[in-house]
Amino acid sequence: MNIKSYFIIGIIFTITLSQFLALDTTDTHVYEKDSYVCRDFSRDLILNAYHYRLYLDYIYIPEKNHMITGLYDPKSKLITLIEPQNNNILGYIKPDNPKYVRIPVWKNTQYYANIGRVM
């Protein structure tokens, strides 16, 4: 098999971001001021997504002093923004958007597994 075949098989047998968010239970955790806050929700969503080979990053919003997550697609060069407290997709941004700070968690090559998984 060549690399293209592995890539196609990988896409067929992978879960999309929307499917993962429908299954994930991070949004059922209880917000507790000073104990379990937005960065904790983000961490848990990132770790849960990893089990499905979805590679999420922290996304910090300085204006709101708030942490969310994002799925970076290196092919489209877009980040899908996800609010981990309710598992909603908020929209899409370019990585150089000055209102958001992407904090990468994984090796650059791992993000190629995210291609085509936003639906």
Protein backbone atom coordinates (compact mmCIF):
# COMPACT_ATOMS: atom_id res chain seq x y z
CA MET A 1 0.00 0.00 0.00
CA ASN A 2 1.18 3.52 -0.68
CA ILE A 3 0.82 6.57 1.55
CA LYS A 4 -2.27 7.78 -0.35
CA SER A 5 -4.04 4.46 0.36
CA TYR A 6 -3.27 4.70 4.08
CA PHE A 7 -4.55 8.28 4.10
CA ILE A 8 -7.83 7.28 2.43
CA ILE A 9 -8.31 4.29 4.77
CA GLY A 10 -7.57 6.57 7.73
CA ILE A 11 -10.30 8.97 6.66
CA ILE A 12 -12.85 6.18 6.17
CA PHE A 13 -12.28 4.74 9.64
CA THR A 14 -12.00 7.98 11.58
CA ILE A 15 -14.54 9.86 13.59
CA THR A 16 -15.36 13.45 12.66
CA LEU A 17 -15.13 16.31 15.10
CA SER A 18 -18.93 16.64 15.20
CA GLN A 19 -19.33 12.92 15.93
CA PHE A 20 -16.74 13.13 18.69
CA LEU A 21 -18.42 16.16 20.29
CA ALA A 22 -21.77 14.32 20.27
CA LEU A 23 -20.18 11.43 22.19
CA ASP A 24 -17.93 13.41 24.52
CA THR A 25 -19.06 14.16 28.08
CA THR A 26 -16.69 17.00 28.98
CA ASP A 27 -19.62 19.41 28.77
CA THR A 28 -21.34 17.57 31.66
CA HIS A 29 -18.57 18.47 34.11
CA VAL A 30 -19.49 21.11 36.65
CA TYR A 31 -17.82 24.53 36.53
CA GLU A 32 -16.35 25.33 39.95
CA LYS A 33 -14.79 28.76 40.39
CA ASP A 34 -11.09 28.48 41.27
CA SER A 35 -11.25 24.68 41.10
CA TYR A 36 -12.55 23.46 37.71
CA VAL A 37 -12.57 26.27 35.17
CA CYS A 38 -12.25 26.85 31.42
CA ARG A 39 -8.65 25.62 31.19
CA ASP A 40 -9.68 22.39 32.95
CA PHE A 41 -12.57 21.85 30.54
CA SER A 42 -10.12 22.49 27.68
CA ARG A 43 -7.55 20.03 29.02
CA ASP A 44 -10.16 17.31 29.43
CA LEU A 45 -11.57 17.84 25.93
CA ILE A 46 -8.05 17.73 24.44
CA LEU A 47 -7.24 14.47 26.23
CA ASN A 48 -10.58 12.87 25.35
CA ALA A 49 -10.18 13.84 21.67
CA TYR A 50 -6.74 12.25 21.62
CA HIS A 51 -8.36 8.82 22.18
CA TYR A 52 -10.07 9.32 18.80
CA ARG A 53 -6.87 10.62 17.19
CA LEU A 54 -8.22 14.16 17.00
CA TYR A 55 -5.47 16.59 17.90
CA LEU A 56 -6.84 19.69 19.62
CA ASP A 57 -4.96 22.70 20.96
CA TYR A 58 -5.59 25.26 23.63
CA ILE A 59 -6.91 28.55 22.27
CA TYR A 60 -6.59 31.51 24.61
CA ILE A 61 -8.80 34.58 24.14
CA PRO A 62 -6.93 37.41 25.93
CA GLU A 63 -9.78 39.92 25.58
CA LYS A 64 -12.05 37.64 27.62
CA ASN A 65 -9.34 35.91 29.69
CA HIS A 66 -10.91 32.66 28.53
CA MET A 67 -9.55 29.33 27.33
CA ILE A 68 -11.23 27.19 24.67
CA THR A 69 -9.94 24.53 22.28
CA GLY A 70 -9.30 24.37 18.57
CA LEU A 71 -8.81 21.76 15.88
CA TYR A 72 -6.11 22.86 13.45
CA ASP A 73 -6.35 21.58 9.87
CA PRO A 74 -2.97 22.12 8.16
CA LYS A 75 -4.46 21.63 4.69
CA SER A 76 -7.09 24.37 4.91
CA LYS A 77 -4.96 26.37 7.35
CA LEU A 78 -8.03 26.91 9.55
CA ILE A 79 -8.70 26.37 13.22
CA THR A 80 -12.14 25.17 14.25
CA LEU A 81 -12.98 26.82 17.58
CA ILE A 82 -14.71 24.66 20.21
CA GLU A 83 -16.19 25.77 23.53
CA PRO A 84 -15.43 22.79 25.80
CA GLN A 85 -17.98 23.84 28.43
CA ASN A 86 -20.84 23.01 26.04
CA ASN A 87 -19.02 21.14 23.21
CA ASN A 88 -20.26 23.66 20.61
CA ILE A 89 -18.35 24.61 17.50
CA LEU A 90 -17.99 28.40 17.63
CA GLY A 91 -16.57 29.07 14.19
CA TYR A 92 -13.35 29.12 12.22
CA ILE A 93 -10.26 31.33 12.29
CA LYS A 94 -6.88 31.58 10.61
CA PRO A 95 -3.92 30.73 12.88
CA ASP A 96 -2.60 34.30 12.64
CA ASN A 97 -5.80 35.89 14.03
CA PRO A 98 -4.56 38.42 16.64
CA LYS A 99 -7.65 37.99 18.87
CA TYR A 100 -6.79 34.34 19.58
CA VAL A 101 -3.61 32.69 20.82
CA ARG A 102 -3.12 29.13 19.67
CA ILE A 103 -1.11 27.03 22.13
CA PRO A 104 -0.08 23.89 20.23
CA VAL A 105 -0.07 20.66 22.22
CA TRP A 106 1.15 18.10 19.67
CA LYS A 107 3.96 17.58 17.16
CA ASN A 108 3.35 19.33 13.81
CA THR A 109 3.01 16.03 11.94
CA GLN A 110 0.13 14.86 14.16
CA TYR A 111 -2.15 17.65 12.95
CA TYR A 112 -2.28 16.00 9.50
CA ALA A 113 -4.62 13.43 11.08
CA ASN A 114 -7.14 16.30 11.46
CA ILE A 115 -7.49 16.84 7.70
CA GLY A 116 -11.06 16.32 6.57
CA ARG A 117 -12.40 15.65 10.06
CA VAL A 118 -14.39 18.83 10.56
CA MET A 119 -18.06 18.12 9.83
